[in-house]
Amino acid sequence: MKNILPARNSRQSGASLIVVLILLLVMTLLGLAVLGNTLLEERMSANMFDRSLGFQAAESALREGEALVAAGPTVPGTGCTAGVCATPVATDPDRWTDATFTGWTAATSNLGALPAPASYFVEFMGDAPTWPGCDRKFPVDPLCMAPRYRVTARSTAADRADVILQTNFIVR
């Protein structure tokens, strides 16, 4: 019986092995790039969540300071007492930027197990017009001028987001 199949070349060059190894290397590099991107997005998400918790804590402290102002606080002549500070001196640095400032009052708001403790202080800023231009009329309307306060709140914790919020509050 005659063999009708052509004779095979018994020498193989192994080109398919090299191609498969190169494809495997490319797929591994793509996988590592995707993994790095995923880790970066995870960190960004965690930082945004942490900042959101800090913002909520600072806003709660801010509302607590505003409630103190609405109750009509007693303003000390100098310094700070019970979270209320005297009018700031223009030549002094802003209190919230001064690392040695000790007038912060811890907020008592309970927001659950937030890892970012909040504190606040209130500054008396003098009397201010309650509507635009009322202080330029003569005679000045008795309801025109009202005490104005600046409430500053912060939420800080080690290795966490630092959040500082401020409002100006006019008592009518």
Protein backbone atom coordinates (compact mmCIF):
# COMPACT_ATOMS: atom_id res chain seq x y z
CA MET A 1 0.00 0.00 0.00
CA LYS A 2 1.23 3.33 -0.96
CA ASN A 3 1.31 6.33 1.36
CA ILE A 4 -0.72 9.09 -0.25
CA LEU A 5 -0.06 11.71 2.41
CA PRO A 6 2.80 14.08 1.73
CA ALA A 7 5.90 13.67 3.81
CA ARG A 8 6.00 15.90 6.90
CA ASN A 9 8.82 18.15 7.76
CA SER A 10 9.92 17.02 11.22
CA ARG A 11 11.66 20.32 11.99
CA GLN A 12 9.39 22.84 13.80
CA SER A 13 10.49 26.42 14.37
CA GLY A 14 8.35 27.19 17.52
CA ALA A 15 6.97 30.49 16.22
CA SER A 16 3.57 29.91 17.82
CA LEU A 17 5.20 29.54 21.26
CA ILE A 18 6.92 32.92 20.89
CA VAL A 19 3.68 34.60 19.74
CA VAL A 20 1.73 33.14 22.68
CA LEU A 21 4.40 34.26 25.18
CA ILE A 22 4.35 37.80 23.77
CA LEU A 23 0.53 37.90 23.97
CA LEU A 24 0.70 36.64 27.55
CA LEU A 25 3.18 39.40 28.42
CA VAL A 26 0.94 42.05 26.80
CA MET A 27 -2.12 40.77 28.68
CA THR A 28 -0.19 40.79 31.98
CA LEU A 29 0.89 44.41 31.42
CA LEU A 30 -2.69 45.43 30.58
CA GLY A 31 -3.93 43.67 33.72
CA LEU A 32 -1.38 45.52 35.87
CA ALA A 33 -2.37 48.87 34.33
CA VAL A 34 -6.05 48.20 35.03
CA LEU A 35 -5.23 47.14 38.60
CA GLY A 36 -3.26 50.36 39.22
CA ASN A 37 -6.12 52.44 37.85
CA THR A 38 -8.63 50.60 40.02
CA LEU A 39 -6.53 51.19 43.14
CA LEU A 40 -6.28 54.91 42.32
CA GLU A 41 -10.05 55.16 41.89
CA GLU A 42 -10.56 53.31 45.19
CA ARG A 43 -8.32 55.81 47.00
CA MET A 44 -10.12 58.75 45.38
CA SER A 45 -13.47 57.32 46.46
CA ALA A 46 -12.26 56.81 50.04
CA ASN A 47 -10.91 60.38 50.17
CA MET A 48 -14.21 61.77 48.90
CA PHE A 49 -16.11 59.75 51.51
CA ASP A 50 -13.74 60.98 54.24
CA ARG A 51 -14.15 64.58 53.13
CA SER A 52 -17.92 64.16 53.12
CA LEU A 53 -17.86 62.91 56.73
CA GLY A 54 -15.63 65.83 57.73
CA PHE A 55 -17.93 68.30 55.97
CA GLN A 56 -20.98 66.92 57.78
CA ALA A 57 -19.22 67.18 61.14
CA ALA A 58 -18.04 70.75 60.44
CA GLU A 59 -21.48 71.80 59.24
CA SER A 60 -23.04 70.39 62.41
CA ALA A 61 -20.57 72.41 64.50
CA LEU A 62 -21.33 75.48 62.39
CA ARG A 63 -25.07 75.13 63.10
CA GLU A 64 -24.27 74.75 66.80
CA GLY A 65 -22.28 78.01 66.71
CA GLU A 66 -25.13 79.75 64.89
CA ALA A 67 -27.56 78.54 67.56
CA LEU A 68 -25.26 80.05 70.19
CA VAL A 69 -25.30 83.37 68.30
CA ALA A 70 -29.09 83.31 67.95
CA ALA A 71 -29.36 82.95 71.74
CA GLY A 72 -27.51 86.26 72.18
CA PRO A 73 -24.07 85.43 73.55
CA THR A 74 -22.08 87.61 75.92
CA VAL A 75 -19.04 88.95 74.06
CA PRO A 76 -15.85 89.21 76.12
CA GLY A 77 -13.74 92.37 75.97
CA THR A 78 -10.66 90.43 74.84
CA GLY A 79 -9.86 86.82 74.06
CA CYS A 80 -12.42 84.04 73.95
CA THR A 81 -14.85 82.68 76.51
CA ALA A 82 -17.12 79.64 76.05
CA GLY A 83 -16.69 79.66 72.27
CA VAL A 84 -17.36 83.40 71.84
CA CYS A 85 -14.45 85.68 70.93
CA ALA A 86 -14.00 89.42 70.97
CA THR A 87 -13.80 91.40 67.75
CA PRO A 88 -10.63 90.38 65.88
CA VAL A 89 -7.79 92.87 65.62
CA ALA A 90 -7.04 93.72 61.97
CA THR A 91 -3.27 93.37 62.41
CA ASP A 92 -3.49 89.90 64.00
CA PRO A 93 -3.57 86.76 61.85
CA ASP A 94 -6.96 85.16 61.33
CA ARG A 95 -7.75 82.94 64.28
CA TRP A 96 -8.60 79.88 62.19
CA THR A 97 -5.18 79.99 60.51
CA ASP A 98 -3.27 80.38 63.79
CA ALA A 99 -2.04 76.98 65.01
CA THR A 100 -1.60 78.36 68.55
CA PHE A 101 -5.20 79.57 68.85
CA THR A 102 -6.92 77.74 71.72
CA GLY A 103 -10.42 79.22 71.57
CA TRP A 104 -12.00 76.32 69.68
CA THR A 105 -15.02 74.81 71.44
CA ALA A 106 -15.82 71.13 70.88
CA ALA A 107 -19.17 70.59 69.24
CA THR A 108 -21.65 68.51 71.18
CA SER A 109 -23.61 67.32 68.15
CA ASN A 110 -23.87 63.55 67.93
CA LEU A 111 -23.46 62.38 64.35
CA GLY A 112 -22.78 58.77 65.19
CA ALA A 113 -19.30 57.31 65.00
CA LEU A 114 -17.78 59.96 62.75
CA PRO A 115 -13.99 59.81 62.92
CA ALA A 116 -13.66 63.56 62.40
CA PRO A 117 -14.28 65.55 65.62
CA ALA A 118 -15.65 69.04 65.06
CA SER A 119 -15.18 72.33 66.89
CA TYR A 120 -16.18 75.97 66.41
CA PHE A 121 -15.79 79.51 67.67
CA VAL A 122 -17.81 82.71 67.22
CA GLU A 123 -16.33 86.18 66.64
CA PHE A 124 -18.22 89.42 67.19
CA MET A 125 -17.69 91.55 64.08
CA GLY A 126 -19.51 94.72 65.19
CA ASP A 127 -22.82 96.11 64.01
CA ALA A 128 -23.75 95.76 60.34
CA PRO A 129 -26.61 96.96 58.13
CA THR A 130 -29.45 94.47 57.92
CA TRP A 131 -30.38 95.56 54.39
CA PRO A 132 -28.29 97.26 51.70
CA GLY A 133 -27.91 101.01 52.02
CA CYS A 134 -29.92 101.44 55.22
CA ASP A 135 -26.92 102.91 57.01
CA ARG A 136 -26.57 105.66 54.37
CA LYS A 137 -29.99 107.15 55.05
CA PHE A 138 -30.47 110.00 57.47
CA PRO A 139 -31.79 109.48 60.02
CA VAL A 140 -30.71 105.85 60.27
CA ASP A 141 -33.66 103.51 60.80
CA PRO A 142 -33.58 101.96 64.29
CA LEU A 143 -33.88 98.45 62.78
CA CYS A 144 -31.07 99.10 60.30
CA MET A 145 -28.05 98.10 62.35
CA ALA A 146 -27.74 94.72 64.05
CA PRO A 147 -24.91 92.74 65.64
CA ARG A 148 -22.93 90.64 63.18
CA TYR A 149 -20.99 87.52 64.08
CA ARG A 150 -18.63 85.27 62.15
CA VAL A 151 -18.95 81.58 62.99
CA THR A 152 -16.02 79.33 62.07
CA ALA A 153 -16.21 75.55 62.33
CA ARG A 154 -13.67 72.86 61.55
CA SER A 155 -13.38 69.12 61.46
CA THR A 156 -9.89 67.70 61.82
CA ALA A 157 -8.40 64.33 62.63
CA ALA A 158 -4.98 62.79 62.08
CA ASP A 159 -4.57 61.46 58.54
CA ARG A 160 -8.10 62.57 57.65
CA ALA A 161 -9.61 65.36 55.60
CA ASP A 162 -9.52 68.83 57.22
CA VAL A 163 -12.64 70.89 56.60
CA ILE A 164 -13.17 74.52 57.66
CA LEU A 165 -16.49 76.33 57.15
CA GLN A 166 -17.49 79.92 57.93
CA THR A 167 -20.70 81.90 57.96
CA ASN A 168 -21.58 85.48 58.75
CA PHE A 169 -24.64 85.70 60.99
CA ILE A 170 -26.64 88.86 61.65
CA VAL A 171 -28.92 88.79 64.70
CA ARG A 172 -32.21 90.60 64.14
